């Protein structure tokens, strides 16, 4: 695992923790995806990846979440919410990449 990738994920996570959850996303579903649950699932897996290698189950959760966030992003019209979910997508992609590297 590349130290710089882990550091990058850690910086992204710290930035994400400071960002408030977009109020208009509370209780909202887009394209059949619960926006709060999508946030929570990605966040949980990112935190796990910062603590050590992800197991297969968490890597699969992240892959499913990545597909879901890609599906909903075009439908998010609020710029702040869009940026919030783009950051989640980027963190999920990096965590999957790190997890795949550790699984080899």
PDB file of N, CA and C in Angstrom:
ATOM      1  N   UNK A   1       0.850  -1.179   0.000  1.00  0.00           N
ATOM      2  CA  UNK A   1       0.000   0.000   0.000  1.00  0.00           C
ATOM      3  C   UNK A   1       0.890   1.234   0.000  1.00  0.00           C
ATOM      4  N   UNK A   2       0.544   2.148  -0.829  1.00  0.00           N
ATOM      5  CA  UNK A   2       1.311   3.379  -0.924  1.00  0.00           C
ATOM      6  C   UNK A   2       0.975   4.301   0.242  1.00  0.00           C
ATOM      7  N   UNK A   3       1.982   4.741   0.935  1.00  0.00           N
ATOM      8  CA  UNK A   3       1.778   5.656   2.066  1.00  0.00           C
ATOM      9  C   UNK A   3       1.091   6.933   1.609  1.00  0.00           C
ATOM     10  N   UNK A   4       1.464   7.429   0.440  1.00  0.00           N
ATOM     11  CA  UNK A   4       0.872   8.679  -0.022  1.00  0.00           C
ATOM     12  C   UNK A   4      -0.623   8.521  -0.314  1.00  0.00           C
ATOM     13  N   UNK A   5      -1.037   7.357  -0.816  1.00  0.00           N
ATOM     14  CA  UNK A   5      -2.468   7.133  -1.052  1.00  0.00           C
ATOM     15  C   UNK A   5      -3.233   7.088   0.267  1.00  0.00           C
ATOM     16  N   UNK A   6      -2.662   6.437   1.249  1.00  0.00           N
ATOM     17  CA  UNK A   6      -3.304   6.376   2.561  1.00  0.00           C
ATOM     18  C   UNK A   6      -3.379   7.764   3.186  1.00  0.00           C
ATOM     19  N   UNK A   7      -2.322   8.535   3.043  1.00  0.00           N
ATOM     20  CA  UNK A   7      -2.328   9.910   3.550  1.00  0.00           C
ATOM     21  C   UNK A   7      -3.371  10.751   2.819  1.00  0.00           C
ATOM     22  N   UNK A   8      -3.479  10.554   1.518  1.00  0.00           N
ATOM     23  CA  UNK A   8      -4.478  11.292   0.730  1.00  0.00           C
ATOM     24  C   UNK A   8      -5.886  10.948   1.189  1.00  0.00           C
ATOM     25  N   UNK A   9      -6.141   9.670   1.409  1.00  0.00           N
ATOM     26  CA  UNK A   9      -7.451   9.256   1.900  1.00  0.00           C
ATOM     27  C   UNK A   9      -7.714   9.845   3.283  1.00  0.00           C
ATOM     28  N   UNK A  10      -6.712   9.876   4.125  1.00  0.00           N
ATOM     29  CA  UNK A  10      -6.863  10.443   5.457  1.00  0.00           C
ATOM     30  C   UNK A  10      -7.191  11.937   5.383  1.00  0.00           C
ATOM     31  N   UNK A  11      -6.518  12.665   4.499  1.00  0.00           N
ATOM     32  CA  UNK A  11      -6.811  14.094   4.327  1.00  0.00           C
ATOM     33  C   UNK A  11      -8.239  14.303   3.811  1.00  0.00           C
ATOM     34  N   UNK A  12      -8.635  13.482   2.848  1.00  0.00           N
ATOM     35  CA  UNK A  12      -9.991  13.587   2.312  1.00  0.00           C
ATOM     36  C   UNK A  12     -11.018  13.307   3.400  1.00  0.00           C
ATOM     37  N   UNK A  13     -10.739  12.326   4.246  1.00  0.00           N
ATOM     38  CA  UNK A  13     -11.653  11.977   5.328  1.00  0.00           C
ATOM     39  C   UNK A  13     -11.767  13.131   6.321  1.00  0.00           C
ATOM     40  N   UNK A  14     -10.647  13.739   6.670  1.00  0.00           N
ATOM     41  CA  UNK A  14     -10.671  14.874   7.602  1.00  0.00           C
ATOM     42  C   UNK A  14     -11.488  16.024   7.018  1.00  0.00           C
ATOM     43  N   UNK A  15     -11.326  16.282   5.740  1.00  0.00           N
ATOM     44  CA  UNK A  15     -12.108  17.328   5.079  1.00  0.00           C
ATOM     45  C   UNK A  15     -13.594  16.966   5.097  1.00  0.00           C
ATOM     46  N   UNK A  16     -13.884  15.720   4.837  1.00  0.00           N
ATOM     47  CA  UNK A  16     -15.273  15.269   4.805  1.00  0.00           C
ATOM     48  C   UNK A  16     -15.933  15.388   6.185  1.00  0.00           C
ATOM     49  N   UNK A  17     -15.198  15.053   7.223  1.00  0.00           N
ATOM     50  CA  UNK A  17     -15.763  15.139   8.581  1.00  0.00           C
ATOM     51  C   UNK A  17     -16.143  16.572   8.944  1.00  0.00           C
ATOM     52  N   UNK A  18     -15.429  17.543   8.399  1.00  0.00           N
ATOM     53  CA  UNK A  18     -15.726  18.952   8.686  1.00  0.00           C
ATOM     54  C   UNK A  18     -16.915  19.467   7.889  1.00  0.00           C
ATOM     55  N   UNK A  19     -17.262  18.781   6.821  1.00  0.00           N
ATOM     56  CA  UNK A  19     -18.359  19.239   5.956  1.00  0.00           C
ATOM     57  C   UNK A  19     -19.702  18.802   6.532  1.00  0.00           C
ATOM     58  N   UNK A  20     -20.637  19.718   6.666  1.00  0.00           N
ATOM     59  CA  UNK A  20     -21.960  19.327   7.157  1.00  0.00           C
ATOM     60  C   UNK A  20     -22.689  18.487   6.111  1.00  0.00           C
ATOM     61  N   UNK A  21     -23.495  17.554   6.606  1.00  0.00           N
ATOM     62  CA  UNK A  21     -24.309  16.766   5.698  1.00  0.00           C
ATOM     63  C   UNK A  21     -25.302  17.710   5.024  1.00  0.00           C
ATOM     64  N   UNK A  22     -25.472  17.602   3.712  1.00  0.00           N
ATOM     65  CA  UNK A  22     -26.395  18.506   3.008  1.00  0.00           C
ATOM     66  C   UNK A  22     -27.835  18.333   3.511  1.00  0.00           C
ATOM     67  N   UNK A  23     -28.414  19.367   4.096  1.00  0.00           N
ATOM     68  CA  UNK A  23     -29.745  19.255   4.697  1.00  0.00           C
ATOM     69  C   UNK A  23     -30.821  18.747   3.744  1.00  0.00           C
ATOM     70  N   UNK A  24     -30.714  19.103   2.472  1.00  0.00           N
ATOM     71  CA  UNK A  24     -31.743  18.691   1.510  1.00  0.00           C
ATOM     72  C   UNK A  24     -31.651  17.208   1.150  1.00  0.00           C
ATOM     73  N   UNK A  25     -30.601  16.537   1.610  1.00  0.00           N
ATOM     74  CA  UNK A  25     -30.439  15.107   1.323  1.00  0.00           C
ATOM     75  C   UNK A  25     -31.012  14.232   2.442  1.00  0.00           C
ATOM     76  N   UNK A  26     -31.337  14.850   3.587  1.00  0.00           N
ATOM     77  CA  UNK A  26     -31.901  14.075   4.702  1.00  0.00           C
ATOM     78  C   UNK A  26     -33.259  13.504   4.302  1.00  0.00           C
ATOM     79  N   UNK A  27     -33.426  12.209   4.502  1.00  0.00           N
ATOM     80  CA  UNK A  27     -34.688  11.556   4.204  1.00  0.00           C
ATOM     81  C   UNK A  27     -34.993  11.459   2.722  1.00  0.00           C
ATOM     82  N   UNK A  28     -34.013  11.680   1.891  1.00  0.00           N
ATOM     83  CA  UNK A  28     -34.246  11.699   0.448  1.00  0.00           C
ATOM     84  C   UNK A  28     -33.693  10.444  -0.216  1.00  0.00           C
ATOM     85  N   UNK A  29     -34.434   9.965  -1.185  1.00  0.00           N
ATOM     86  CA  UNK A  29     -33.974   8.892  -2.052  1.00  0.00           C
ATOM     87  C   UNK A  29     -33.845   9.446  -3.461  1.00  0.00           C
ATOM     88  N   UNK A  30     -32.773   9.075  -4.120  1.00  0.00           N
ATOM     89  CA  UNK A  30     -32.557   9.438  -5.517  1.00  0.00           C
ATOM     90  C   UNK A  30     -32.250   8.146  -6.258  1.00  0.00           C
ATOM     91  N   UNK A  31     -32.971   7.929  -7.341  1.00  0.00           N
ATOM     92  CA  UNK A  31     -32.750   6.725  -8.141  1.00  0.00           C
ATOM     93  C   UNK A  31     -32.806   5.462  -7.268  1.00  0.00           C
ATOM     94  N   UNK A  32     -33.667   5.493  -6.243  1.00  0.00           N
ATOM     95  CA  UNK A  32     -33.829   4.338  -5.365  1.00  0.00           C
ATOM     96  C   UNK A  32     -32.753   4.195  -4.298  1.00  0.00           C
ATOM     97  N   UNK A  33     -31.876   5.175  -4.188  1.00  0.00           N
ATOM     98  CA  UNK A  33     -30.782   5.128  -3.203  1.00  0.00           C
ATOM     99  C   UNK A  33     -31.082   6.080  -2.048  1.00  0.00           C
ATOM    100  N   UNK A  34     -31.017   5.566  -0.835  1.00  0.00           N
ATOM    101  CA  UNK A  34     -31.175   6.383   0.366  1.00  0.00           C
ATOM    102  C   UNK A  34     -29.881   7.161   0.562  1.00  0.00           C
ATOM    103  N   UNK A  35     -29.977   8.470   0.497  1.00  0.00           N
ATOM    104  CA  UNK A  35     -28.780   9.311   0.503  1.00  0.00           C
ATOM    105  C   UNK A  35     -28.036   9.303   1.844  1.00  0.00           C
ATOM    106  N   UNK A  36     -28.768   9.183   2.934  1.00  0.00           N
ATOM    107  CA  UNK A  36     -28.119   9.102   4.249  1.00  0.00           C
ATOM    108  C   UNK A  36     -27.387   7.773   4.382  1.00  0.00           C
ATOM    109  N   UNK A  37     -28.033   6.692   3.968  1.00  0.00           N
ATOM    110  CA  UNK A  37     -27.420   5.369   4.059  1.00  0.00           C
ATOM    111  C   UNK A  37     -26.188   5.267   3.165  1.00  0.00           C
ATOM    112  N   UNK A  38     -26.253   5.859   1.992  1.00  0.00           N
ATOM    113  CA  UNK A  38     -25.109   5.852   1.088  1.00  0.00           C
ATOM    114  C   UNK A  38     -23.916   6.548   1.737  1.00  0.00           C
ATOM    115  N   UNK A  39     -24.168   7.682   2.360  1.00  0.00           N
ATOM    116  CA  UNK A  39     -23.132   8.408   3.088  1.00  0.00           C
ATOM    117  C   UNK A  39     -22.561   7.553   4.217  1.00  0.00           C
ATOM    118  N   UNK A  40     -23.435   6.960   5.003  1.00  0.00           N
ATOM    119  CA  UNK A  40     -23.001   6.168   6.158  1.00  0.00           C
ATOM    120  C   UNK A  40     -22.205   4.933   5.740  1.00  0.00           C
ATOM    121  N   UNK A  41     -22.656   4.251   4.696  1.00  0.00           N
ATOM    122  CA  UNK A  41     -21.948   3.051   4.241  1.00  0.00           C
ATOM    123  C   UNK A  41     -20.544   3.377   3.756  1.00  0.00           C
ATOM    124  N   UNK A  42     -20.441   4.421   2.946  1.00  0.00           N
ATOM    125  CA  UNK A  42     -19.115   4.798   2.446  1.00  0.00           C
ATOM    126  C   UNK A  42     -18.227   5.260   3.600  1.00  0.00           C
ATOM    127  N   UNK A  43     -18.770   6.105   4.472  1.00  0.00           N
ATOM    128  CA  UNK A  43     -17.981   6.618   5.597  1.00  0.00           C
ATOM    129  C   UNK A  43     -17.463   5.478   6.478  1.00  0.00           C
ATOM    130  N   UNK A  44     -18.316   4.518   6.780  1.00  0.00           N
ATOM    131  CA  UNK A  44     -17.907   3.392   7.615  1.00  0.00           C
ATOM    132  C   UNK A  44     -16.777   2.597   6.999  1.00  0.00           C
ATOM    133  N   UNK A  45     -16.867   2.361   5.705  1.00  0.00           N
ATOM    134  CA  UNK A  45     -15.815   1.598   5.029  1.00  0.00           C
ATOM    135  C   UNK A  45     -14.520   2.400   4.912  1.00  0.00           C
ATOM    136  N   UNK A  46     -14.642   3.707   4.702  1.00  0.00           N
ATOM    137  CA  UNK A  46     -13.444   4.554   4.627  1.00  0.00           C
ATOM    138  C   UNK A  46     -12.725   4.547   5.977  1.00  0.00           C
ATOM    139  N   UNK A  47     -13.462   4.701   7.052  1.00  0.00           N
ATOM    140  CA  UNK A  47     -12.854   4.664   8.388  1.00  0.00           C
ATOM    141  C   UNK A  47     -12.157   3.319   8.611  1.00  0.00           C
ATOM    142  N   UNK A  48     -12.813   2.248   8.206  1.00  0.00           N
ATOM    143  CA  UNK A  48     -12.203   0.924   8.344  1.00  0.00           C
ATOM    144  C   UNK A  48     -10.915   0.815   7.539  1.00  0.00           C
ATOM    145  N   UNK A  49     -10.918   1.375   6.333  1.00  0.00           N
ATOM    146  CA  UNK A  49      -9.720   1.285   5.492  1.00  0.00           C
ATOM    147  C   UNK A  49      -8.565   2.098   6.062  1.00  0.00           C
ATOM    148  N   UNK A  50      -8.880   3.144   6.820  1.00  0.00           N
ATOM    149  CA  UNK A  50      -7.824   3.933   7.458  1.00  0.00           C
ATOM    150  C   UNK A  50      -7.220   3.201   8.657  1.00  0.00           C
ATOM    151  N   UNK A  51      -7.950   2.208   9.175  1.00  0.00           N
ATOM    152  CA  UNK A  51      -7.484   1.445  10.329  1.00  0.00           C
ATOM    153  C   UNK A  51      -6.718   0.187   9.937  1.00  0.00           C
ATOM    154  N   UNK A  52      -6.824  -0.218   8.699  1.00  0.00           N
ATOM    155  CA  UNK A  52      -6.143  -1.427   8.250  1.00  0.00           C
ATOM    156  C   UNK A  52      -6.778  -1.942   6.980  1.00  0.00           C
ATOM    157  N   UNK A  53      -6.271  -3.042   6.468  1.00  0.00           N
ATOM    158  CA  UNK A  53      -6.791  -3.586   5.216  1.00  0.00           C
ATOM    159  C   UNK A  53      -8.280  -3.935   5.312  1.00  0.00           C
ATOM    160  N   UNK A  54      -8.999  -3.653   4.239  1.00  0.00           N
ATOM    161  CA  UNK A  54     -10.419  -3.987   4.181  1.00  0.00           C
ATOM    162  C   UNK A  54     -10.600  -5.468   3.881  1.00  0.00           C
ATOM    163  N   UNK A  55     -11.597  -6.046   4.512  1.00  0.00           N
ATOM    164  CA  UNK A  55     -11.939  -7.424   4.179  1.00  0.00           C
ATOM    165  C   UNK A  55     -12.766  -7.422   2.896  1.00  0.00           C
ATOM    166  N   UNK A  56     -13.014  -8.598   2.362  1.00  0.00           N
ATOM    167  CA  UNK A  56     -13.754  -8.729   1.116  1.00  0.00           C
ATOM    168  C   UNK A  56     -15.146  -8.142   1.184  1.00  0.00           C
ATOM    169  N   UNK A  57     -15.800  -8.296   2.330  1.00  0.00           N
ATOM    170  CA  UNK A  57     -17.165  -7.777   2.486  1.00  0.00           C
ATOM    171  C   UNK A  57     -17.188  -6.256   2.350  1.00  0.00           C
ATOM    172  N   UNK A  58     -16.269  -5.586   3.002  1.00  0.00           N
ATOM    173  CA  UNK A  58     -16.231  -4.123   2.935  1.00  0.00           C
ATOM    174  C   UNK A  58     -15.806  -3.628   1.551  1.00  0.00           C
ATOM    175  N   UNK A  59     -14.898  -4.355   0.900  1.00  0.00           N
ATOM    176  CA  UNK A  59     -14.542  -3.971  -0.474  1.00  0.00           C
ATOM    177  C   UNK A  59     -15.755  -4.080  -1.384  1.00  0.00           C
ATOM    178  N   UNK A  60     -16.565  -5.123  -1.189  1.00  0.00           N
ATOM    179  CA  UNK A  60     -17.769  -5.285  -1.999  1.00  0.00           C
ATOM    180  C   UNK A  60     -18.788  -4.193  -1.692  1.00  0.00           C
ATOM    181  N   UNK A  61     -18.956  -3.841  -0.416  1.00  0.00           N
ATOM    182  CA  UNK A  61     -19.864  -2.743  -0.047  1.00  0.00           C
ATOM    183  C   UNK A  61     -19.429  -1.463  -0.751  1.00  0.00           C
ATOM    184  N   UNK A  62     -18.139  -1.189  -0.752  1.00  0.00           N
ATOM    185  CA  UNK A  62     -17.648   0.018  -1.416  1.00  0.00           C
ATOM    186  C   UNK A  62     -17.889  -0.016  -2.918  1.00  0.00           C
ATOM    187  N   UNK A  63     -17.707  -1.171  -3.541  1.00  0.00           N
ATOM    188  CA  UNK A  63     -17.966  -1.276  -4.986  1.00  0.00           C
ATOM    189  C   UNK A  63     -19.442  -1.000  -5.287  1.00  0.00           C
ATOM    190  N   UNK A  64     -20.327  -1.555  -4.466  1.00  0.00           N
ATOM    191  CA  UNK A  64     -21.767  -1.316  -4.640  1.00  0.00           C
ATOM    192  C   UNK A  64     -22.079   0.169  -4.431  1.00  0.00           C
ATOM    193  N   UNK A  65     -21.477   0.756  -3.406  1.00  0.00           N
ATOM    194  CA  UNK A  65     -21.699   2.179  -3.129  1.00  0.00           C
ATOM    195  C   UNK A  65     -21.156   3.062  -4.243  1.00  0.00           C
ATOM    196  N   UNK A  66     -20.029   2.685  -4.809  1.00  0.00           N
ATOM    197  CA  UNK A  66     -19.471   3.456  -5.921  1.00  0.00           C
ATOM    198  C   UNK A  66     -20.437   3.470  -7.103  1.00  0.00           C
ATOM    199  N   UNK A  67     -21.006   2.326  -7.405  1.00  0.00           N
ATOM    200  CA  UNK A  67     -21.991   2.243  -8.484  1.00  0.00           C
ATOM    201  C   UNK A  67     -23.191   3.132  -8.163  1.00  0.00           C
ATOM    202  N   UNK A  68     -23.644   3.072  -6.910  1.00  0.00           N
ATOM    203  CA  UNK A  68     -24.810   3.859  -6.496  1.00  0.00           C
ATOM    204  C   UNK A  68     -24.531   5.357  -6.574  1.00  0.00           C
ATOM    205  N   UNK A  69     -23.390   5.787  -6.088  1.00  0.00           N
ATOM    206  CA  UNK A  69     -23.096   7.224  -6.085  1.00  0.00           C
ATOM    207  C   UNK A  69     -22.905   7.737  -7.512  1.00  0.00           C
ATOM    208  N   UNK A  70     -22.323   6.932  -8.380  1.00  0.00           N
ATOM    209  CA  UNK A  70     -22.207   7.327  -9.790  1.00  0.00           C
ATOM    210  C   UNK A  70     -23.592   7.482 -10.415  1.00  0.00           C
ATOM    211  N   UNK A  71     -24.519   6.622 -10.006  1.00  0.00           N
ATOM    212  CA  UNK A  71     -25.873   6.669 -10.547  1.00  0.00           C
ATOM    213  C   UNK A  71     -26.612   7.932 -10.088  1.00  0.00           C
ATOM    214  N   UNK A  72     -26.415   8.353  -8.835  1.00  0.00           N
ATOM    215  CA  UNK A  72     -27.190   9.472  -8.296  1.00  0.00           C
ATOM    216  C   UNK A  72     -26.575  10.839  -8.580  1.00  0.00           C
ATOM    217  N   UNK A  73     -25.276  10.911  -8.778  1.00  0.00           N
ATOM    218  CA  UNK A  73     -24.620  12.219  -8.947  1.00  0.00           C
ATOM    219  C   UNK A  73     -25.254  13.098 -10.032  1.00  0.00           C
ATOM    220  N   UNK A  74     -25.595  12.569 -11.196  1.00  0.00           N
ATOM    221  CA  UNK A  74     -26.193  13.444 -12.210  1.00  0.00           C
ATOM    222  C   UNK A  74     -27.543  14.043 -11.790  1.00  0.00           C
ATOM    223  N   UNK A  75     -28.203  13.432 -10.819  1.00  0.00           N
ATOM    224  CA  UNK A  75     -29.521  13.915 -10.382  1.00  0.00           C
ATOM    225  C   UNK A  75     -29.452  14.887  -9.213  1.00  0.00           C
ATOM    226  N   UNK A  76     -28.270  15.115  -8.677  1.00  0.00           N
ATOM    227  CA  UNK A  76     -28.118  16.041  -7.552  1.00  0.00           C
ATOM    228  C   UNK A  76     -27.909  17.439  -8.117  1.00  0.00           C
ATOM    229  N   UNK A  77     -28.889  18.301  -7.879  1.00  0.00           N
ATOM    230  CA  UNK A  77     -28.849  19.644  -8.464  1.00  0.00           C
ATOM    231  C   UNK A  77     -28.212  20.682  -7.550  1.00  0.00           C
ATOM    232  N   UNK A  78     -28.187  20.429  -6.265  1.00  0.00           N
ATOM    233  CA  UNK A  78     -27.599  21.354  -5.296  1.00  0.00           C
ATOM    234  C   UNK A  78     -26.072  21.232  -5.360  1.00  0.00           C
ATOM    235  N   UNK A  79     -25.392  22.363  -5.616  1.00  0.00           N
ATOM    236  CA  UNK A  79     -23.934  22.326  -5.769  1.00  0.00           C
ATOM    237  C   UNK A  79     -23.222  21.808  -4.528  1.00  0.00           C
ATOM    238  N   UNK A  80     -23.666  22.241  -3.350  1.00  0.00           N
ATOM    239  CA  UNK A  80     -23.033  21.780  -2.117  1.00  0.00           C
ATOM    240  C   UNK A  80     -23.198  20.282  -1.928  1.00  0.00           C
ATOM    241  N   UNK A  81     -24.383  19.777  -2.195  1.00  0.00           N
ATOM    242  CA  UNK A  81     -24.637  18.340  -2.071  1.00  0.00           C
ATOM    243  C   UNK A  81     -23.856  17.564  -3.125  1.00  0.00           C
ATOM    244  N   UNK A  82     -23.772  18.124  -4.299  1.00  0.00           N
ATOM    245  CA  UNK A  82     -23.017  17.477  -5.367  1.00  0.00           C
ATOM    246  C   UNK A  82     -21.545  17.329  -4.978  1.00  0.00           C
ATOM    247  N   UNK A  83     -20.969  18.398  -4.456  1.00  0.00           N
ATOM    248  CA  UNK A  83     -19.569  18.336  -4.015  1.00  0.00           C
ATOM    249  C   UNK A  83     -19.393  17.332  -2.877  1.00  0.00           C
ATOM    250  N   UNK A  84     -20.336  17.289  -1.967  1.00  0.00           N
ATOM    251  CA  UNK A  84     -20.299  16.350  -0.840  1.00  0.00           C
ATOM    252  C   UNK A  84     -20.251  14.911  -1.348  1.00  0.00           C
ATOM    253  N   UNK A  85     -21.137  14.587  -2.286  1.00  0.00           N
ATOM    254  CA  UNK A  85     -21.201  13.216  -2.800  1.00  0.00           C
ATOM    255  C   UNK A  85     -20.066  12.902  -3.773  1.00  0.00           C
ATOM    256  N   UNK A  86     -19.525  13.902  -4.435  1.00  0.00           N
ATOM    257  CA  UNK A  86     -18.331  13.673  -5.263  1.00  0.00           C
ATOM    258  C   UNK A  86     -17.147  13.295  -4.375  1.00  0.00           C
ATOM    259  N   UNK A  87     -17.040  13.983  -3.235  1.00  0.00           N
ATOM    260  CA  UNK A  87     -15.959  13.646  -2.304  1.00  0.00           C
ATOM    261  C   UNK A  87     -16.144  12.223  -1.785  1.00  0.00           C
ATOM    262  N   UNK A  88     -17.387  11.855  -1.462  1.00  0.00           N
ATOM    263  CA  UNK A  88     -17.653  10.476  -1.031  1.00  0.00           C
ATOM    264  C   UNK A  88     -17.241   9.477  -2.117  1.00  0.00           C
ATOM    265  N   UNK A  89     -17.609   9.796  -3.360  1.00  0.00           N
ATOM    266  CA  UNK A  89     -17.233   8.912  -4.478  1.00  0.00           C
ATOM    267  C   UNK A  89     -15.721   8.771  -4.559  1.00  0.00           C
ATOM    268  N   UNK A  90     -15.012   9.873  -4.461  1.00  0.00           N
ATOM    269  CA  UNK A  90     -13.554   9.838  -4.567  1.00  0.00           C
ATOM    270  C   UNK A  90     -12.918   9.058  -3.425  1.00  0.00           C
ATOM    271  N   UNK A  91     -13.453   9.235  -2.223  1.00  0.00           N
ATOM    272  CA  UNK A  91     -12.926   8.474  -1.084  1.00  0.00           C
ATOM    273  C   UNK A  91     -13.205   6.983  -1.262  1.00  0.00           C
ATOM    274  N   UNK A  92     -14.400   6.644  -1.714  1.00  0.00           N
ATOM    275  CA  UNK A  92     -14.751   5.234  -1.917  1.00  0.00           C
ATOM    276  C   UNK A  92     -13.839   4.603  -2.961  1.00  0.00           C
ATOM    277  N   UNK A  93     -13.612   5.316  -4.054  1.00  0.00           N
ATOM    278  CA  UNK A  93     -12.750   4.783  -5.112  1.00  0.00           C
ATOM    279  C   UNK A  93     -11.327   4.560  -4.602  1.00  0.00           C
ATOM    280  N   UNK A  94     -10.810   5.496  -3.836  1.00  0.00           N
ATOM    281  CA  UNK A  94      -9.466   5.362  -3.297  1.00  0.00           C
ATOM    282  C   UNK A  94      -9.401   4.223  -2.282  1.00  0.00           C
ATOM    283  N   UNK A  95     -10.412   4.101  -1.443  1.00  0.00           N
ATOM    284  CA  UNK A  95     -10.430   3.023  -0.451  1.00  0.00           C
ATOM    285  C   UNK A  95     -10.508   1.653  -1.134  1.00  0.00           C
ATOM    286  N   UNK A  96     -11.280   1.551  -2.224  1.00  0.00           N
ATOM    287  CA  UNK A  96     -11.341   0.293  -2.985  1.00  0.00           C
ATOM    288  C   UNK A  96      -9.980  -0.013  -3.572  1.00  0.00           C
ATOM    289  N   UNK A  97      -9.350   1.002  -4.142  1.00  0.00           N
ATOM    290  CA  UNK A  97      -8.024   0.828  -4.724  1.00  0.00           C
ATOM    291  C   UNK A  97      -7.019   0.348  -3.673  1.00  0.00           C
ATOM    292  N   UNK A  98      -7.046   0.984  -2.516  1.00  0.00           N
ATOM    293  CA  UNK A  98      -6.155   0.569  -1.430  1.00  0.00           C
ATOM    294  C   UNK A  98      -6.482  -0.855  -0.974  1.00  0.00           C
ATOM    295  N   UNK A  99      -7.771  -1.150  -0.868  1.00  0.00           N
ATOM    296  CA  UNK A  99      -8.203  -2.484  -0.440  1.00  0.00           C
ATOM    297  C   UNK A  99      -7.792  -3.551  -1.435  1.00  0.00           C
ATOM    298  N   UNK A 100      -7.904  -3.253  -2.716  1.00  0.00           N
ATOM    299  CA  UNK A 100      -7.495  -4.217  -3.746  1.00  0.00           C
ATOM    300  C   UNK A 100      -5.996  -4.443  -3.712  1.00  0.00           C
ATOM    301  N   UNK A 101      -5.234  -3.384  -3.464  1.00  0.00           N
ATOM    302  CA  UNK A 101      -3.785  -3.520  -3.380  1.00  0.00           C
ATOM    303  C   UNK A 101      -3.392  -4.408  -2.211  1.00  0.00           C
ATOM    304  N   UNK A 102      -4.116  -4.275  -1.100  1.00  0.00           N
ATOM    305  CA  UNK A 102      -3.812  -5.093   0.079  1.00  0.00           C
ATOM    306  C   UNK A 102      -4.262  -6.536  -0.084  1.00  0.00           C
ATOM    307  N   UNK A 103      -5.239  -6.772  -0.955  1.00  0.00           N
ATOM    308  CA  UNK A 103      -5.772  -8.130  -1.134  1.00  0.00           C
ATOM    309  C   UNK A 103      -4.864  -8.968  -2.028  1.00  0.00           C
ATOM    310  N   UNK A 104      -3.954  -8.338  -2.727  1.00  0.00           N
ATOM    311  CA  UNK A 104      -3.065  -9.076  -3.657  1.00  0.00           C
ATOM    312  C   UNK A 104      -2.039  -9.887  -2.935  1.00  0.00           C
TER     313      UNK A 104
END
